[in-house]
């Protein structure tokens, strides 16, 4: 099973947003993350990078504050 850890970069700082992410969907001005057990987080931002060699980590650059669904 390949699950990802998602980090958000904002103002030069990087923070972990969610681990064990099973699905990512681009929606409006952001990305909807879905976890292994169906939990969801919406982040206002855009995809900056994906590193498949480093534990499938994903970096999202923030546009504004994150909103939880």
PDB file of N, CA and C in Angstrom:
ATOM      1  N   UNK A   1       0.848  -1.177   0.000  1.00  0.00           N
ATOM      2  CA  UNK A   1       0.000   0.000   0.000  1.00  0.00           C
ATOM      3  C   UNK A   1       0.891   1.238   0.000  1.00  0.00           C
ATOM      4  N   UNK A   2       0.618   2.158  -0.905  1.00  0.00           N
ATOM      5  CA  UNK A   2       1.397   3.389  -0.992  1.00  0.00           C
ATOM      6  C   UNK A   2       0.553   4.562  -0.524  1.00  0.00           C
ATOM      7  N   UNK A   3       0.848   5.040   0.657  1.00  0.00           N
ATOM      8  CA  UNK A   3       0.163   6.210   1.198  1.00  0.00           C
ATOM      9  C   UNK A   3       1.172   7.340   1.303  1.00  0.00           C
ATOM     10  N   UNK A   4       0.684   8.564   1.274  1.00  0.00           N
ATOM     11  CA  UNK A   4       1.572   9.721   1.274  1.00  0.00           C
ATOM     12  C   UNK A   4       1.424  10.545   2.541  1.00  0.00           C
ATOM     13  N   UNK A   5       2.468  11.291   2.824  1.00  0.00           N
ATOM     14  CA  UNK A   5       2.431  12.311   3.862  1.00  0.00           C
ATOM     15  C   UNK A   5       2.440  13.659   3.153  1.00  0.00           C
ATOM     16  N   UNK A   6       1.526  14.541   3.550  1.00  0.00           N
ATOM     17  CA  UNK A   6       1.394  15.838   2.891  1.00  0.00           C
ATOM     18  C   UNK A   6       1.864  16.931   3.844  1.00  0.00           C
ATOM     19  N   UNK A   7       2.698  17.805   3.309  1.00  0.00           N
ATOM     20  CA  UNK A   7       3.226  18.951   4.051  1.00  0.00           C
ATOM     21  C   UNK A   7       2.763  20.220   3.363  1.00  0.00           C
ATOM     22  N   UNK A   8       2.629  21.295   4.131  1.00  0.00           N
ATOM     23  CA  UNK A   8       2.259  22.580   3.565  1.00  0.00           C
ATOM     24  C   UNK A   8       3.366  23.577   3.858  1.00  0.00           C
ATOM     25  N   UNK A   9       3.743  24.342   2.840  1.00  0.00           N
ATOM     26  CA  UNK A   9       4.742  25.392   3.007  1.00  0.00           C
ATOM     27  C   UNK A   9       4.039  26.740   3.009  1.00  0.00           C
ATOM     28  N   UNK A  10       4.287  27.515   4.049  1.00  0.00           N
ATOM     29  CA  UNK A  10       3.682  28.835   4.160  1.00  0.00           C
ATOM     30  C   UNK A  10       4.673  29.755   4.848  1.00  0.00           C
ATOM     31  N   UNK A  11       4.957  30.881   4.224  1.00  0.00           N
ATOM     32  CA  UNK A  11       5.892  31.870   4.773  1.00  0.00           C
ATOM     33  C   UNK A  11       7.248  31.253   5.123  1.00  0.00           C
ATOM     34  N   UNK A  12       7.729  30.355   4.287  1.00  0.00           N
ATOM     35  CA  UNK A  12       9.029  29.736   4.504  1.00  0.00           C
ATOM     36  C   UNK A  12       9.043  28.618   5.528  1.00  0.00           C
ATOM     37  N   UNK A  13       7.911  28.326   6.145  1.00  0.00           N
ATOM     38  CA  UNK A  13       7.815  27.259   7.143  1.00  0.00           C
ATOM     39  C   UNK A  13       7.098  26.058   6.529  1.00  0.00           C
ATOM     40  N   UNK A  14       7.508  24.858   6.915  1.00  0.00           N
ATOM     41  CA  UNK A  14       6.875  23.641   6.423  1.00  0.00           C
ATOM     42  C   UNK A  14       6.273  22.902   7.609  1.00  0.00           C
ATOM     43  N   UNK A  15       4.990  22.529   7.484  1.00  0.00           N
ATOM     44  CA  UNK A  15       4.327  21.782   8.548  1.00  0.00           C
ATOM     45  C   UNK A  15       3.604  20.573   7.957  1.00  0.00           C
ATOM     46  N   UNK A  16       3.570  19.490   8.728  1.00  0.00           N
ATOM     47  CA  UNK A  16       2.854  18.295   8.302  1.00  0.00           C
ATOM     48  C   UNK A  16       1.368  18.570   8.428  1.00  0.00           C
ATOM     49  N   UNK A  17       0.630  18.285   7.358  1.00  0.00           N
ATOM     50  CA  UNK A  17      -0.809  18.500   7.340  1.00  0.00           C
ATOM     51  C   UNK A  17      -1.548  17.196   7.608  1.00  0.00           C
ATOM     52  N   UNK A  18      -1.103  16.132   6.950  1.00  0.00           N
ATOM     53  CA  UNK A  18      -1.801  14.856   7.071  1.00  0.00           C
ATOM     54  C   UNK A  18      -0.874  13.734   6.631  1.00  0.00           C
ATOM     55  N   UNK A  19      -0.928  12.628   7.351  1.00  0.00           N
ATOM     56  CA  UNK A  19      -0.185  11.454   6.908  1.00  0.00           C
ATOM     57  C   UNK A  19      -1.177  10.366   6.540  1.00  0.00           C
ATOM     58  N   UNK A  20      -0.695   9.338   5.887  1.00  0.00           N
ATOM     59  CA  UNK A  20      -1.548   8.238   5.400  1.00  0.00           C
ATOM     60  C   UNK A  20      -2.637   8.740   4.463  1.00  0.00           C
ATOM     61  N   UNK A  21      -2.268   9.662   3.574  1.00  0.00           N
ATOM     62  CA  UNK A  21      -3.208  10.203   2.586  1.00  0.00           C
ATOM     63  C   UNK A  21      -3.348   9.187   1.452  1.00  0.00           C
ATOM     64  N   UNK A  22      -4.591   8.836   1.171  1.00  0.00           N
ATOM     65  CA  UNK A  22      -4.841   7.841   0.128  1.00  0.00           C
ATOM     66  C   UNK A  22      -5.341   8.458  -1.175  1.00  0.00           C
ATOM     67  N   UNK A  23      -5.822   9.713  -1.114  1.00  0.00           N
ATOM     68  CA  UNK A  23      -6.387  10.325  -2.315  1.00  0.00           C
ATOM     69  C   UNK A  23      -6.245  11.842  -2.245  1.00  0.00           C
ATOM     70  N   UNK A  24      -5.923  12.451  -3.385  1.00  0.00           N
ATOM     71  CA  UNK A  24      -5.852  13.912  -3.502  1.00  0.00           C
ATOM     72  C   UNK A  24      -6.684  14.325  -4.708  1.00  0.00           C
ATOM     73  N   UNK A  25      -7.508  15.368  -4.516  1.00  0.00           N
ATOM     74  CA  UNK A  25      -8.343  15.867  -5.606  1.00  0.00           C
ATOM     75  C   UNK A  25      -8.211  17.380  -5.689  1.00  0.00           C
ATOM     76  N   UNK A  26      -7.970  17.882  -6.893  1.00  0.00           N
ATOM     77  CA  UNK A  26      -7.918  19.319  -7.103  1.00  0.00           C
ATOM     78  C   UNK A  26      -9.345  19.850  -7.134  1.00  0.00           C
ATOM     79  N   UNK A  27      -9.627  20.831  -6.270  1.00  0.00           N
ATOM     80  CA  UNK A  27     -10.967  21.421  -6.182  1.00  0.00           C
ATOM     81  C   UNK A  27     -10.828  22.934  -6.098  1.00  0.00           C
ATOM     82  N   UNK A  28     -11.482  23.650  -6.979  1.00  0.00           N
ATOM     83  CA  UNK A  28     -11.499  25.110  -6.952  1.00  0.00           C
ATOM     84  C   UNK A  28     -10.100  25.680  -6.729  1.00  0.00           C
ATOM     85  N   UNK A  29      -9.861  26.353  -5.606  1.00  0.00           N
ATOM     86  CA  UNK A  29      -8.569  26.981  -5.335  1.00  0.00           C
ATOM     87  C   UNK A  29      -7.708  26.150  -4.398  1.00  0.00           C
ATOM     88  N   UNK A  30      -7.902  24.851  -4.367  1.00  0.00           N
ATOM     89  CA  UNK A  30      -7.126  24.060  -3.428  1.00  0.00           C
ATOM     90  C   UNK A  30      -7.136  22.581  -3.725  1.00  0.00           C
ATOM     91  N   UNK A  31      -6.782  21.831  -2.693  1.00  0.00           N
ATOM     92  CA  UNK A  31      -6.647  20.388  -2.814  1.00  0.00           C
ATOM     93  C   UNK A  31      -7.384  19.728  -1.667  1.00  0.00           C
ATOM     94  N   UNK A  32      -8.215  18.748  -1.995  1.00  0.00           N
ATOM     95  CA  UNK A  32      -8.922  17.965  -0.995  1.00  0.00           C
ATOM     96  C   UNK A  32      -8.122  16.697  -0.739  1.00  0.00           C
ATOM     97  N   UNK A  33      -7.711  16.512   0.515  1.00  0.00           N
ATOM     98  CA  UNK A  33      -6.960  15.326   0.920  1.00  0.00           C
ATOM     99  C   UNK A  33      -7.913  14.360   1.609  1.00  0.00           C
ATOM    100  N   UNK A  34      -7.798  13.085   1.274  1.00  0.00           N
ATOM    101  CA  UNK A  34      -8.601  12.055   1.930  1.00  0.00           C
ATOM    102  C   UNK A  34      -7.654  11.043   2.545  1.00  0.00           C
ATOM    103  N   UNK A  35      -7.864  10.773   3.822  1.00  0.00           N
ATOM    104  CA  UNK A  35      -7.017   9.844   4.546  1.00  0.00           C
ATOM    105  C   UNK A  35      -7.460   8.399   4.381  1.00  0.00           C
ATOM    106  N   UNK A  36      -6.669   7.516   4.916  1.00  0.00           N
ATOM    107  CA  UNK A  36      -6.882   6.080   4.811  1.00  0.00           C
ATOM    108  C   UNK A  36      -8.251   5.657   5.355  1.00  0.00           C
ATOM    109  N   UNK A  37      -8.770   6.367   6.360  1.00  0.00           N
ATOM    110  CA  UNK A  37     -10.047   6.006   6.973  1.00  0.00           C
ATOM    111  C   UNK A  37     -11.190   6.936   6.563  1.00  0.00           C
ATOM    112  N   UNK A  38     -10.984   7.726   5.487  1.00  0.00           N
ATOM    113  CA  UNK A  38     -12.033   8.566   4.948  1.00  0.00           C
ATOM    114  C   UNK A  38     -12.075   9.986   5.478  1.00  0.00           C
ATOM    115  N   UNK A  39     -11.194  10.342   6.419  1.00  0.00           N
ATOM    116  CA  UNK A  39     -11.169  11.716   6.915  1.00  0.00           C
ATOM    117  C   UNK A  39     -10.694  12.644   5.796  1.00  0.00           C
ATOM    118  N   UNK A  40     -11.213  13.885   5.796  1.00  0.00           N
ATOM    119  CA  UNK A  40     -10.893  14.832   4.731  1.00  0.00           C
ATOM    120  C   UNK A  40     -10.406  16.157   5.288  1.00  0.00           C
ATOM    121  N   UNK A  41      -9.458  16.758   4.571  1.00  0.00           N
ATOM    122  CA  UNK A  41      -8.966  18.098   4.866  1.00  0.00           C
ATOM    123  C   UNK A  41      -8.862  18.831   3.532  1.00  0.00           C
ATOM    124  N   UNK A  42      -9.376  20.061   3.493  1.00  0.00           N
ATOM    125  CA  UNK A  42      -9.239  20.897   2.298  1.00  0.00           C
ATOM    126  C   UNK A  42      -8.193  21.964   2.579  1.00  0.00           C
ATOM    127  N   UNK A  43      -7.247  22.125   1.656  1.00  0.00           N
ATOM    128  CA  UNK A  43      -6.188  23.114   1.795  1.00  0.00           C
ATOM    129  C   UNK A  43      -6.257  24.089   0.629  1.00  0.00           C
ATOM    130  N   UNK A  44      -6.305  25.384   0.945  1.00  0.00           N
ATOM    131  CA  UNK A  44      -6.225  26.410  -0.092  1.00  0.00           C
ATOM    132  C   UNK A  44      -4.759  26.529  -0.491  1.00  0.00           C
ATOM    133  N   UNK A  45      -4.420  25.991  -1.637  1.00  0.00           N
ATOM    134  CA  UNK A  45      -3.040  26.016  -2.082  1.00  0.00           C
ATOM    135  C   UNK A  45      -2.899  25.281  -3.398  1.00  0.00           C
ATOM    136  N   UNK A  46      -1.670  25.157  -3.841  1.00  0.00           N
ATOM    137  CA  UNK A  46      -1.431  24.405  -5.071  1.00  0.00           C
ATOM    138  C   UNK A  46      -0.248  23.466  -4.865  1.00  0.00           C
ATOM    139  N   UNK A  47      -0.227  22.414  -5.656  1.00  0.00           N
ATOM    140  CA  UNK A  47       0.815  21.403  -5.570  1.00  0.00           C
ATOM    141  C   UNK A  47       2.150  22.008  -5.963  1.00  0.00           C
ATOM    142  N   UNK A  48       3.140  21.826  -5.111  1.00  0.00           N
ATOM    143  CA  UNK A  48       4.475  22.357  -5.389  1.00  0.00           C
ATOM    144  C   UNK A  48       5.411  21.241  -5.828  1.00  0.00           C
ATOM    145  N   UNK A  49       5.386  20.097  -5.136  1.00  0.00           N
ATOM    146  CA  UNK A  49       6.248  18.984  -5.533  1.00  0.00           C
ATOM    147  C   UNK A  49       5.751  17.681  -4.934  1.00  0.00           C
ATOM    148  N   UNK A  50       6.186  16.582  -5.559  1.00  0.00           N
ATOM    149  CA  UNK A  50       5.934  15.231  -5.069  1.00  0.00           C
ATOM    150  C   UNK A  50       7.257  14.489  -5.127  1.00  0.00           C
ATOM    151  N   UNK A  51       7.622  13.830  -4.021  1.00  0.00           N
ATOM    152  CA  UNK A  51       8.866  13.071  -3.974  1.00  0.00           C
ATOM    153  C   UNK A  51       8.531  11.604  -3.752  1.00  0.00           C
ATOM    154  N   UNK A  52       8.525  10.827  -4.829  1.00  0.00           N
ATOM    155  CA  UNK A  52       8.145   9.420  -4.750  1.00  0.00           C
ATOM    156  C   UNK A  52       9.221   8.564  -4.076  1.00  0.00           C
ATOM    157  N   UNK A  53      10.455   9.042  -4.052  1.00  0.00           N
ATOM    158  CA  UNK A  53      11.525   8.269  -3.428  1.00  0.00           C
ATOM    159  C   UNK A  53      11.588   8.454  -1.918  1.00  0.00           C
ATOM    160  N   UNK A  54      11.045   9.548  -1.416  1.00  0.00           N
ATOM    161  CA  UNK A  54      11.124   9.867   0.009  1.00  0.00           C
ATOM    162  C   UNK A  54       9.779   9.621   0.688  1.00  0.00           C
ATOM    163  N   UNK A  55       9.323   8.390   0.661  1.00  0.00           N
ATOM    164  CA  UNK A  55       8.085   8.043   1.342  1.00  0.00           C
ATOM    165  C   UNK A  55       6.851   8.680   0.748  1.00  0.00           C
ATOM    166  N   UNK A  56       6.867   8.948  -0.552  1.00  0.00           N
ATOM    167  CA  UNK A  56       5.737   9.542  -1.239  1.00  0.00           C
ATOM    168  C   UNK A  56       5.255  10.825  -0.578  1.00  0.00           C
ATOM    169  N   UNK A  57       6.176  11.704  -0.226  1.00  0.00           N
ATOM    170  CA  UNK A  57       5.785  12.970   0.400  1.00  0.00           C
ATOM    171  C   UNK A  57       5.355  13.983  -0.654  1.00  0.00           C
ATOM    172  N   UNK A  58       4.388  14.807  -0.275  1.00  0.00           N
ATOM    173  CA  UNK A  58       3.814  15.810  -1.161  1.00  0.00           C
ATOM    174  C   UNK A  58       3.939  17.159  -0.472  1.00  0.00           C
ATOM    175  N   UNK A  59       4.350  18.181  -1.204  1.00  0.00           N
ATOM    176  CA  UNK A  59       4.461  19.527  -0.654  1.00  0.00           C
ATOM    177  C   UNK A  59       3.462  20.426  -1.362  1.00  0.00           C
ATOM    178  N   UNK A  60       2.628  21.106  -0.565  1.00  0.00           N
ATOM    179  CA  UNK A  60       1.640  22.035  -1.091  1.00  0.00           C
ATOM    180  C   UNK A  60       2.014  23.426  -0.615  1.00  0.00           C
ATOM    181  N   UNK A  61       2.016  24.377  -1.536  1.00  0.00           N
ATOM    182  CA  UNK A  61       2.298  25.758  -1.174  1.00  0.00           C
ATOM    183  C   UNK A  61       0.978  26.452  -0.855  1.00  0.00           C
ATOM    184  N   UNK A  62       0.892  27.043   0.321  1.00  0.00           N
ATOM    185  CA  UNK A  62      -0.348  27.654   0.800  1.00  0.00           C
ATOM    186  C   UNK A  62      -0.676  28.932   0.057  1.00  0.00           C
ATOM    187  N   UNK A  63      -1.970  29.126  -0.198  1.00  0.00           N
ATOM    188  CA  UNK A  63      -2.462  30.390  -0.732  1.00  0.00           C
ATOM    189  C   UNK A  63      -3.027  31.205   0.418  1.00  0.00           C
ATOM    190  N   UNK A  64      -3.833  30.579   1.271  1.00  0.00           N
ATOM    191  CA  UNK A  64      -4.393  31.213   2.462  1.00  0.00           C
ATOM    192  C   UNK A  64      -4.449  30.164   3.567  1.00  0.00           C
ATOM    193  N   UNK A  65      -5.075  30.483   4.669  1.00  0.00           N
ATOM    194  CA  UNK A  65      -5.194  29.558   5.789  1.00  0.00           C
ATOM    195  C   UNK A  65      -5.904  28.293   5.348  1.00  0.00           C
ATOM    196  N   UNK A  66      -5.609  27.171   5.990  1.00  0.00           N
ATOM    197  CA  UNK A  66      -6.263  25.919   5.657  1.00  0.00           C
ATOM    198  C   UNK A  66      -7.643  25.854   6.297  1.00  0.00           C
ATOM    199  N   UNK A  67      -8.554  25.182   5.634  1.00  0.00           N
ATOM    200  CA  UNK A  67      -9.913  25.008   6.126  1.00  0.00           C
ATOM    201  C   UNK A  67     -10.179  23.518   6.265  1.00  0.00           C
ATOM    202  N   UNK A  68     -10.756  23.120   7.367  1.00  0.00           N
ATOM    203  CA  UNK A  68     -11.071  21.723   7.584  1.00  0.00           C
ATOM    204  C   UNK A  68     -12.524  21.460   7.213  1.00  0.00           C
ATOM    205  N   UNK A  69     -12.732  20.349   6.517  1.00  0.00           N
ATOM    206  CA  UNK A  69     -14.089  19.949   6.132  1.00  0.00           C
ATOM    207  C   UNK A  69     -14.794  19.293   7.293  1.00  0.00           C
TER     208      UNK A  69
END
